[in-house]
Amino acid sequence: MKLAVTRLSVARYRQLHPADQGLQRLEKLMDEYAGGITVNYMTNEPLLLRGLELMKVFHEDLEFLGAEDLHQLQRCWNSNIAR
């Protein structure tokens, strides 16, 4: 059910996003689902699996990153290298 809601919101927000927003989203995802400081550096299998699902959605959204200047363009390229 959560994945369907996430895909619906992804389809609704098909527009250019700043590179900083993409990096913040990645940092939050890794922090919450891959055992960061907010979860006291602990994780479990359900959280890791949910994190992988959200990483797939994040991967789909990488093509919608936008840049206002050369610095943000470099950040976009750095984010897309992992694709």
PDB file of N, CA and C in Angstrom:
ATOM      1  N   MET A   1       0.822  -1.189   0.000  1.00  0.00           N
ATOM      2  CA  MET A   1       0.000   0.000   0.000  1.00  0.00           C
ATOM      3  C   MET A   1       0.870   1.258   0.000  1.00  0.00           C
ATOM      4  N   LYS A   2       1.909   1.299   0.839  1.00  0.00           N
ATOM      5  CA  LYS A   2       2.767   2.473   0.890  1.00  0.00           C
ATOM      6  C   LYS A   2       3.476   2.705  -0.431  1.00  0.00           C
ATOM      7  N   LEU A   3       3.877   1.629  -1.106  1.00  0.00           N
ATOM      8  CA  LEU A   3       4.574   1.766  -2.378  1.00  0.00           C
ATOM      9  C   LEU A   3       3.653   2.379  -3.434  1.00  0.00           C
ATOM     10  N   ALA A   4       2.359   1.992  -3.414  1.00  0.00           N
ATOM     11  CA  ALA A   4       1.410   2.564  -4.372  1.00  0.00           C
ATOM     12  C   ALA A   4       1.236   4.061  -4.132  1.00  0.00           C
ATOM     13  N   VAL A   5       1.181   4.476  -2.868  1.00  0.00           N
ATOM     14  CA  VAL A   5       1.056   5.893  -2.551  1.00  0.00           C
ATOM     15  C   VAL A   5       2.304   6.641  -3.002  1.00  0.00           C
ATOM     16  N   THR A   6       3.472   6.049  -2.796  1.00  0.00           N
ATOM     17  CA  THR A   6       4.716   6.683  -3.207  1.00  0.00           C
ATOM     18  C   THR A   6       4.761   6.839  -4.720  1.00  0.00           C
ATOM     19  N   ARG A   7       4.372   5.820  -5.462  1.00  0.00           N
ATOM     20  CA  ARG A   7       4.386   5.908  -6.917  1.00  0.00           C
ATOM     21  C   ARG A   7       3.378   6.947  -7.411  1.00  0.00           C
ATOM     22  N   LEU A   8       2.243   7.070  -6.732  1.00  0.00           N
ATOM     23  CA  LEU A   8       1.258   8.078  -7.105  1.00  0.00           C
ATOM     24  C   LEU A   8       1.831   9.473  -6.918  1.00  0.00           C
ATOM     25  N   SER A   9       2.499   9.704  -5.782  1.00  0.00           N
ATOM     26  CA  SER A   9       3.068  11.028  -5.565  1.00  0.00           C
ATOM     27  C   SER A   9       4.221  11.299  -6.517  1.00  0.00           C
ATOM     28  N   VAL A  10       4.953  10.267  -6.934  1.00  0.00           N
ATOM     29  CA  VAL A  10       6.024  10.465  -7.919  1.00  0.00           C
ATOM     30  C   VAL A  10       5.416  10.891  -9.249  1.00  0.00           C
ATOM     31  N   ALA A  11       4.332  10.255  -9.648  1.00  0.00           N
ATOM     32  CA  ALA A  11       3.696  10.603 -10.915  1.00  0.00           C
ATOM     33  C   ALA A  11       3.134  12.024 -10.874  1.00  0.00           C
ATOM     34  N   ARG A  12       2.706  12.477  -9.715  1.00  0.00           N
ATOM     35  CA  ARG A  12       2.119  13.808  -9.598  1.00  0.00           C
ATOM     36  C   ARG A  12       3.178  14.897  -9.638  1.00  0.00           C
ATOM     37  N   TYR A  13       4.382  14.613  -9.191  1.00  0.00           N
ATOM     38  CA  TYR A  13       5.429  15.625  -9.106  1.00  0.00           C
ATOM     39  C   TYR A  13       6.483  15.471 -10.194  1.00  0.00           C
ATOM     40  N   ARG A  14       6.090  15.188 -11.408  1.00  0.00           N
ATOM     41  CA  ARG A  14       7.034  15.062 -12.518  1.00  0.00           C
ATOM     42  C   ARG A  14       7.448  16.448 -12.994  1.00  0.00           C
ATOM     43  N   GLN A  15       8.352  17.051 -12.282  1.00  0.00           N
ATOM     44  CA  GLN A  15       8.889  18.353 -12.648  1.00  0.00           C
ATOM     45  C   GLN A  15      10.354  18.396 -12.237  1.00  0.00           C
ATOM     46  N   LEU A  16      11.051  19.447 -12.624  1.00  0.00           N
ATOM     47  CA  LEU A  16      12.464  19.549 -12.275  1.00  0.00           C
ATOM     48  C   LEU A  16      12.631  19.892 -10.799  1.00  0.00           C
ATOM     49  N   HIS A  17      13.545  19.199 -10.147  1.00  0.00           N
ATOM     50  CA  HIS A  17      13.842  19.431  -8.743  1.00  0.00           C
ATOM     51  C   HIS A  17      15.286  19.878  -8.615  1.00  0.00           C
ATOM     52  N   PRO A  18      15.576  20.776  -7.685  1.00  0.00           N
ATOM     53  CA  PRO A  18      16.973  21.188  -7.491  1.00  0.00           C
ATOM     54  C   PRO A  18      17.844  20.021  -7.023  1.00  0.00           C
ATOM     55  N   ALA A  19      19.108  20.095  -7.361  1.00  0.00           N
ATOM     56  CA  ALA A  19      20.045  19.032  -6.980  1.00  0.00           C
ATOM     57  C   ALA A  19      20.135  18.890  -5.465  1.00  0.00           C
ATOM     58  N   ASP A  20      20.061  20.016  -4.740  1.00  0.00           N
ATOM     59  CA  ASP A  20      20.140  19.959  -3.281  1.00  0.00           C
ATOM     60  C   ASP A  20      18.997  19.145  -2.692  1.00  0.00           C
ATOM     61  N   GLN A  21      17.811  19.262  -3.296  1.00  0.00           N
ATOM     62  CA  GLN A  21      16.671  18.504  -2.803  1.00  0.00           C
ATOM     63  C   GLN A  21      16.905  17.007  -2.993  1.00  0.00           C
ATOM     64  N   GLY A  22      17.506  16.626  -4.105  1.00  0.00           N
ATOM     65  CA  GLY A  22      17.804  15.220  -4.339  1.00  0.00           C
ATOM     66  C   GLY A  22      18.816  14.679  -3.344  1.00  0.00           C
ATOM     67  N   LEU A  23      19.842  15.471  -3.053  1.00  0.00           N
ATOM     68  CA  LEU A  23      20.850  15.035  -2.080  1.00  0.00           C
ATOM     69  C   LEU A  23      20.267  14.943  -0.675  1.00  0.00           C
ATOM     70  N   GLN A  24      19.416  15.890  -0.304  1.00  0.00           N
ATOM     71  CA  GLN A  24      18.779  15.835   1.017  1.00  0.00           C
ATOM     72  C   GLN A  24      17.876  14.613   1.121  1.00  0.00           C
ATOM     73  N   ARG A  25      17.182  14.314   0.039  1.00  0.00           N
ATOM     74  CA  ARG A  25      16.302  13.144   0.028  1.00  0.00           C
ATOM     75  C   ARG A  25      17.112  11.861   0.193  1.00  0.00           C
ATOM     76  N   LEU A  26      18.248  11.775  -0.491  1.00  0.00           N
ATOM     77  CA  LEU A  26      19.109  10.603  -0.375  1.00  0.00           C
ATOM     78  C   LEU A  26      19.676  10.479   1.036  1.00  0.00           C
ATOM     79  N   GLU A  27      20.127  11.595   1.607  1.00  0.00           N
ATOM     80  CA  GLU A  27      20.668  11.572   2.975  1.00  0.00           C
ATOM     81  C   GLU A  27      19.606  11.131   3.975  1.00  0.00           C
ATOM     82  N   LYS A  28      18.387  11.623   3.827  1.00  0.00           N
ATOM     83  CA  LYS A  28      17.309  11.246   4.741  1.00  0.00           C
ATOM     84  C   LYS A  28      16.982   9.762   4.597  1.00  0.00           C
ATOM     85  N   LEU A  29      16.923   9.285   3.366  1.00  0.00           N
ATOM     86  CA  LEU A  29      16.636   7.877   3.121  1.00  0.00           C
ATOM     87  C   LEU A  29      17.689   6.986   3.761  1.00  0.00           C
ATOM     88  N   MET A  30      18.954   7.322   3.557  1.00  0.00           N
ATOM     89  CA  MET A  30      20.032   6.511   4.118  1.00  0.00           C
ATOM     90  C   MET A  30      20.055   6.597   5.640  1.00  0.00           C
ATOM     91  N   ASP A  31      19.751   7.768   6.178  1.00  0.00           N
ATOM     92  CA  ASP A  31      19.767   7.945   7.622  1.00  0.00           C
ATOM     93  C   ASP A  31      18.661   7.129   8.292  1.00  0.00           C
ATOM     94  N   GLU A  32      17.453   7.170   7.728  1.00  0.00           N
ATOM     95  CA  GLU A  32      16.322   6.511   8.371  1.00  0.00           C
ATOM     96  C   GLU A  32      16.267   5.005   8.128  1.00  0.00           C
ATOM     97  N   TYR A  33      16.646   4.562   6.937  1.00  0.00           N
ATOM     98  CA  TYR A  33      16.454   3.153   6.585  1.00  0.00           C
ATOM     99  C   TYR A  33      17.733   2.331   6.575  1.00  0.00           C
ATOM    100  N   ALA A  34      18.896   2.969   6.536  1.00  0.00           N
ATOM    101  CA  ALA A  34      20.149   2.215   6.487  1.00  0.00           C
ATOM    102  C   ALA A  34      20.941   2.344   7.784  1.00  0.00           C
ATOM    103  N   GLY A  35      20.302   2.772   8.847  1.00  0.00           N
ATOM    104  CA  GLY A  35      20.948   2.791  10.149  1.00  0.00           C
ATOM    105  C   GLY A  35      21.789   4.015  10.416  1.00  0.00           C
ATOM    106  N   GLY A  36      21.200   5.190  10.339  1.00  0.00           N
ATOM    107  CA  GLY A  36      21.928   6.428  10.615  1.00  0.00           C
ATOM    108  C   GLY A  36      21.757   6.883  12.054  1.00  0.00           C
ATOM    109  N   ILE A  37      22.097   8.131  12.289  1.00  0.00           N
ATOM    110  CA  ILE A  37      22.086   8.659  13.651  1.00  0.00           C
ATOM    111  C   ILE A  37      20.680   8.752  14.238  1.00  0.00           C
ATOM    112  N   THR A  38      19.659   9.006  13.418  1.00  0.00           N
ATOM    113  CA  THR A  38      18.302   9.145  13.965  1.00  0.00           C
ATOM    114  C   THR A  38      17.759   7.832  14.511  1.00  0.00           C
ATOM    115  N   VAL A  39      18.284   6.709  14.048  1.00  0.00           N
ATOM    116  CA  VAL A  39      17.866   5.406  14.574  1.00  0.00           C
ATOM    117  C   VAL A  39      18.969   4.774  15.412  1.00  0.00           C
ATOM    118  N   ASN A  40      19.868   5.622  15.902  1.00  0.00           N
ATOM    119  CA  ASN A  40      20.950   5.199  16.797  1.00  0.00           C
ATOM    120  C   ASN A  40      21.836   4.127  16.152  1.00  0.00           C
ATOM    121  N   TYR A  41      22.089   4.285  14.850  1.00  0.00           N
ATOM    122  CA  TYR A  41      22.976   3.397  14.090  1.00  0.00           C
ATOM    123  C   TYR A  41      22.547   1.935  14.137  1.00  0.00           C
ATOM    124  N   MET A  42      21.246   1.692  14.213  1.00  0.00           N
ATOM    125  CA  MET A  42      20.728   0.325  14.187  1.00  0.00           C
ATOM    126  C   MET A  42      19.724   0.207  13.051  1.00  0.00           C
ATOM    127  N   THR A  43      19.601  -0.980  12.498  1.00  0.00           N
ATOM    128  CA  THR A  43      18.622  -1.226  11.446  1.00  0.00           C
ATOM    129  C   THR A  43      18.189  -2.680  11.517  1.00  0.00           C
ATOM    130  N   ASN A  44      17.221  -3.036  10.695  1.00  0.00           N
ATOM    131  CA  ASN A  44      16.759  -4.417  10.622  1.00  0.00           C
ATOM    132  C   ASN A  44      16.325  -4.709   9.192  1.00  0.00           C
ATOM    133  N   GLU A  45      15.967  -5.939   8.930  1.00  0.00           N
ATOM    134  CA  GLU A  45      15.657  -6.340   7.561  1.00  0.00           C
ATOM    135  C   GLU A  45      14.455  -5.605   6.968  1.00  0.00           C
ATOM    136  N   PRO A  46      13.326  -5.448   7.677  1.00  0.00           N
ATOM    137  CA  PRO A  46      12.204  -4.710   7.076  1.00  0.00           C
ATOM    138  C   PRO A  46      12.562  -3.267   6.710  1.00  0.00           C
ATOM    139  N   LEU A  47      13.342  -2.599   7.550  1.00  0.00           N
ATOM    140  CA  LEU A  47      13.747  -1.233   7.222  1.00  0.00           C
ATOM    141  C   LEU A  47      14.666  -1.200   6.001  1.00  0.00           C
ATOM    142  N   LEU A  48      15.582  -2.140   5.911  1.00  0.00           N
ATOM    143  CA  LEU A  48      16.475  -2.191   4.757  1.00  0.00           C
ATOM    144  C   LEU A  48      15.711  -2.477   3.466  1.00  0.00           C
ATOM    145  N   LEU A  49      14.722  -3.382   3.529  1.00  0.00           N
ATOM    146  CA  LEU A  49      13.927  -3.676   2.344  1.00  0.00           C
ATOM    147  C   LEU A  49      13.099  -2.470   1.915  1.00  0.00           C
ATOM    148  N   ARG A  50      12.528  -1.757   2.885  1.00  0.00           N
ATOM    149  CA  ARG A  50      11.776  -0.529   2.564  1.00  0.00           C
ATOM    150  C   ARG A  50      12.714   0.524   1.973  1.00  0.00           C
ATOM    151  N   GLY A  51      13.914   0.612   2.507  1.00  0.00           N
ATOM    152  CA  GLY A  51      14.898   1.539   1.969  1.00  0.00           C
ATOM    153  C   GLY A  51      15.251   1.219   0.523  1.00  0.00           C
ATOM    154  N   LEU A  52      15.357  -0.070   0.197  1.00  0.00           N
ATOM    155  CA  LEU A  52      15.635  -0.464  -1.185  1.00  0.00           C
ATOM    156  C   LEU A  52      14.486  -0.090  -2.116  1.00  0.00           C
ATOM    157  N   GLU A  53      13.240  -0.252  -1.643  1.00  0.00           N
ATOM    158  CA  GLU A  53      12.087   0.158  -2.448  1.00  0.00           C
ATOM    159  C   GLU A  53      12.132   1.660  -2.721  1.00  0.00           C
ATOM    160  N   LEU A  54      12.434   2.437  -1.697  1.00  0.00           N
ATOM    161  CA  LEU A  54      12.490   3.883  -1.866  1.00  0.00           C
ATOM    162  C   LEU A  54      13.678   4.306  -2.729  1.00  0.00           C
ATOM    163  N   MET A  55      14.767   3.545  -2.693  1.00  0.00           N
ATOM    164  CA  MET A  55      15.909   3.837  -3.558  1.00  0.00           C
ATOM    165  C   MET A  55      15.536   3.645  -5.030  1.00  0.00           C
ATOM    166  N   LYS A  56      14.696   2.648  -5.322  1.00  0.00           N
ATOM    167  CA  LYS A  56      14.243   2.445  -6.702  1.00  0.00           C
ATOM    168  C   LYS A  56      13.427   3.644  -7.182  1.00  0.00           C
ATOM    169  N   VAL A  57      12.549   4.152  -6.315  1.00  0.00           N
ATOM    170  CA  VAL A  57      11.759   5.330  -6.668  1.00  0.00           C
ATOM    171  C   VAL A  57      12.671   6.544  -6.838  1.00  0.00           C
ATOM    172  N   PHE A  58      13.641   6.685  -5.947  1.00  0.00           N
ATOM    173  CA  PHE A  58      14.603   7.782  -6.052  1.00  0.00           C
ATOM    174  C   PHE A  58      15.385   7.680  -7.364  1.00  0.00           C
ATOM    175  N   HIS A  59      15.750   6.475  -7.742  1.00  0.00           N
ATOM    176  CA  HIS A  59      16.492   6.252  -8.989  1.00  0.00           C
ATOM    177  C   HIS A  59      15.665   6.721 -10.187  1.00  0.00           C
ATOM    178  N   GLU A  60      14.350   6.468 -10.161  1.00  0.00           N
ATOM    179  CA  GLU A  60      13.472   6.919 -11.241  1.00  0.00           C
ATOM    180  C   GLU A  60      13.403   8.446 -11.302  1.00  0.00           C
ATOM    181  N   ASP A  61      13.498   9.104 -10.168  1.00  0.00           N
ATOM    182  CA  ASP A  61      13.379  10.561 -10.114  1.00  0.00           C
ATOM    183  C   ASP A  61      14.672  11.290 -10.465  1.00  0.00           C
ATOM    184  N   LEU A  62      15.781  10.585 -10.585  1.00  0.00           N
ATOM    185  CA  LEU A  62      17.051  11.250 -10.876  1.00  0.00           C
ATOM    186  C   LEU A  62      17.036  11.996 -12.205  1.00  0.00           C
ATOM    187  N   GLU A  63      16.257  11.525 -13.159  1.00  0.00           N
ATOM    188  CA  GLU A  63      16.231  12.208 -14.449  1.00  0.00           C
ATOM    189  C   GLU A  63      15.501  13.549 -14.383  1.00  0.00           C
ATOM    190  N   PHE A  64      14.840  13.846 -13.272  1.00  0.00           N
ATOM    191  CA  PHE A  64      14.099  15.096 -13.130  1.00  0.00           C
ATOM    192  C   PHE A  64      14.827  16.122 -12.268  1.00  0.00           C
ATOM    193  N   LEU A  65      16.122  15.927 -12.050  1.00  0.00           N
ATOM    194  CA  LEU A  65      16.898  16.921 -11.324  1.00  0.00           C
ATOM    195  C   LEU A  65      17.170  18.114 -12.226  1.00  0.00           C
ATOM    196  N   GLY A  66      17.130  19.301 -11.660  1.00  0.00           N
ATOM    197  CA  GLY A  66      17.406  20.508 -12.418  1.00  0.00           C
ATOM    198  C   GLY A  66      18.497  21.318 -11.745  1.00  0.00           C
ATOM    199  N   ALA A  67      19.125  22.190 -12.513  1.00  0.00           N
ATOM    200  CA  ALA A  67      20.226  22.993 -11.982  1.00  0.00           C
ATOM    201  C   ALA A  67      20.022  24.460 -12.352  1.00  0.00           C
ATOM    202  N   GLU A  68      20.268  25.329 -11.385  1.00  0.00           N
ATOM    203  CA  GLU A  68      20.180  26.771 -11.623  1.00  0.00           C
ATOM    204  C   GLU A  68      21.531  27.365 -11.993  1.00  0.00           C
ATOM    205  N   ASP A  69      22.612  26.709 -11.573  1.00  0.00           N
ATOM    206  CA  ASP A  69      23.950  27.220 -11.864  1.00  0.00           C
ATOM    207  C   ASP A  69      24.904  26.035 -12.056  1.00  0.00           C
ATOM    208  N   LEU A  70      26.156  26.354 -12.328  1.00  0.00           N
ATOM    209  CA  LEU A  70      27.134  25.300 -12.604  1.00  0.00           C
ATOM    210  C   LEU A  70      27.398  24.410 -11.386  1.00  0.00           C
ATOM    211  N   HIS A  71      27.349  24.986 -10.186  1.00  0.00           N
ATOM    212  CA  HIS A  71      27.580  24.196  -8.980  1.00  0.00           C
ATOM    213  C   HIS A  71      26.489  23.137  -8.821  1.00  0.00           C
ATOM    214  N   GLN A  72      25.235  23.533  -9.012  1.00  0.00           N
ATOM    215  CA  GLN A  72      24.146  22.556  -8.921  1.00  0.00           C
ATOM    216  C   GLN A  72      24.204  21.540 -10.054  1.00  0.00           C
ATOM    217  N   LEU A  73      24.658  21.978 -11.228  1.00  0.00           N
ATOM    218  CA  LEU A  73      24.808  21.041 -12.342  1.00  0.00           C
ATOM    219  C   LEU A  73      25.826  19.950 -12.003  1.00  0.00           C
ATOM    220  N   GLN A  74      26.914  20.350 -11.340  1.00  0.00           N
ATOM    221  CA  GLN A  74      27.917  19.372 -10.923  1.00  0.00           C
ATOM    222  C   GLN A  74      27.313  18.395  -9.916  1.00  0.00           C
ATOM    223  N   ARG A  75      26.491  18.884  -9.013  1.00  0.00           N
ATOM    224  CA  ARG A  75      25.833  17.992  -8.047  1.00  0.00           C
ATOM    225  C   ARG A  75      24.887  17.019  -8.748  1.00  0.00           C
ATOM    226  N   CYS A  76      24.181  17.503  -9.770  1.00  0.00           N
ATOM    227  CA  CYS A  76      23.304  16.610 -10.547  1.00  0.00           C
ATOM    228  C   CYS A  76      24.117  15.490 -11.193  1.00  0.00           C
ATOM    229  N   TRP A  77      25.238  15.864 -11.795  1.00  0.00           N
ATOM    230  CA  TRP A  77      26.084  14.865 -12.435  1.00  0.00           C
ATOM    231  C   TRP A  77      26.604  13.863 -11.409  1.00  0.00           C
ATOM    232  N   ASN A  78      27.012  14.348 -10.237  1.00  0.00           N
ATOM    233  CA  ASN A  78      27.495  13.433  -9.191  1.00  0.00           C
ATOM    234  C   ASN A  78      26.408  12.495  -8.738  1.00  0.00           C
ATOM    235  N   SER A  79      25.170  12.962  -8.670  1.00  0.00           N
ATOM    236  CA  SER A  79      24.061  12.094  -8.276  1.00  0.00           C
ATOM    237  C   SER A  79      23.749  11.070  -9.353  1.00  0.00           C
ATOM    238  N   ASN A  80      23.887  11.450 -10.614  1.00  0.00           N
ATOM    239  CA  ASN A  80      23.546  10.552 -11.715  1.00  0.00           C
ATOM    240  C   ASN A  80      24.642   9.548 -12.034  1.00  0.00           C
ATOM    241  N   ILE A  81      25.837   9.749 -11.536  1.00  0.00           N
ATOM    242  CA  ILE A  81      26.924   8.793 -11.793  1.00  0.00           C
ATOM    243  C   ILE A  81      26.572   7.428 -11.205  1.00  0.00           C
ATOM    244  N   ALA A  82      25.878   7.419 -10.075  1.00  0.00           N
ATOM    245  CA  ALA A  82      25.529   6.159  -9.418  1.00  0.00           C
ATOM    246  C   ALA A  82      24.497   5.351 -10.202  1.00  0.00           C
ATOM    247  N   ARG A  83      23.857   5.979 -11.157  1.00  0.00           N
ATOM    248  CA  ARG A  83      22.836   5.271 -11.943  1.00  0.00           C
ATOM    249  C   ARG A  83      23.514   4.209 -12.721  1.00  0.00           C
TER     250      ARG A  83
END
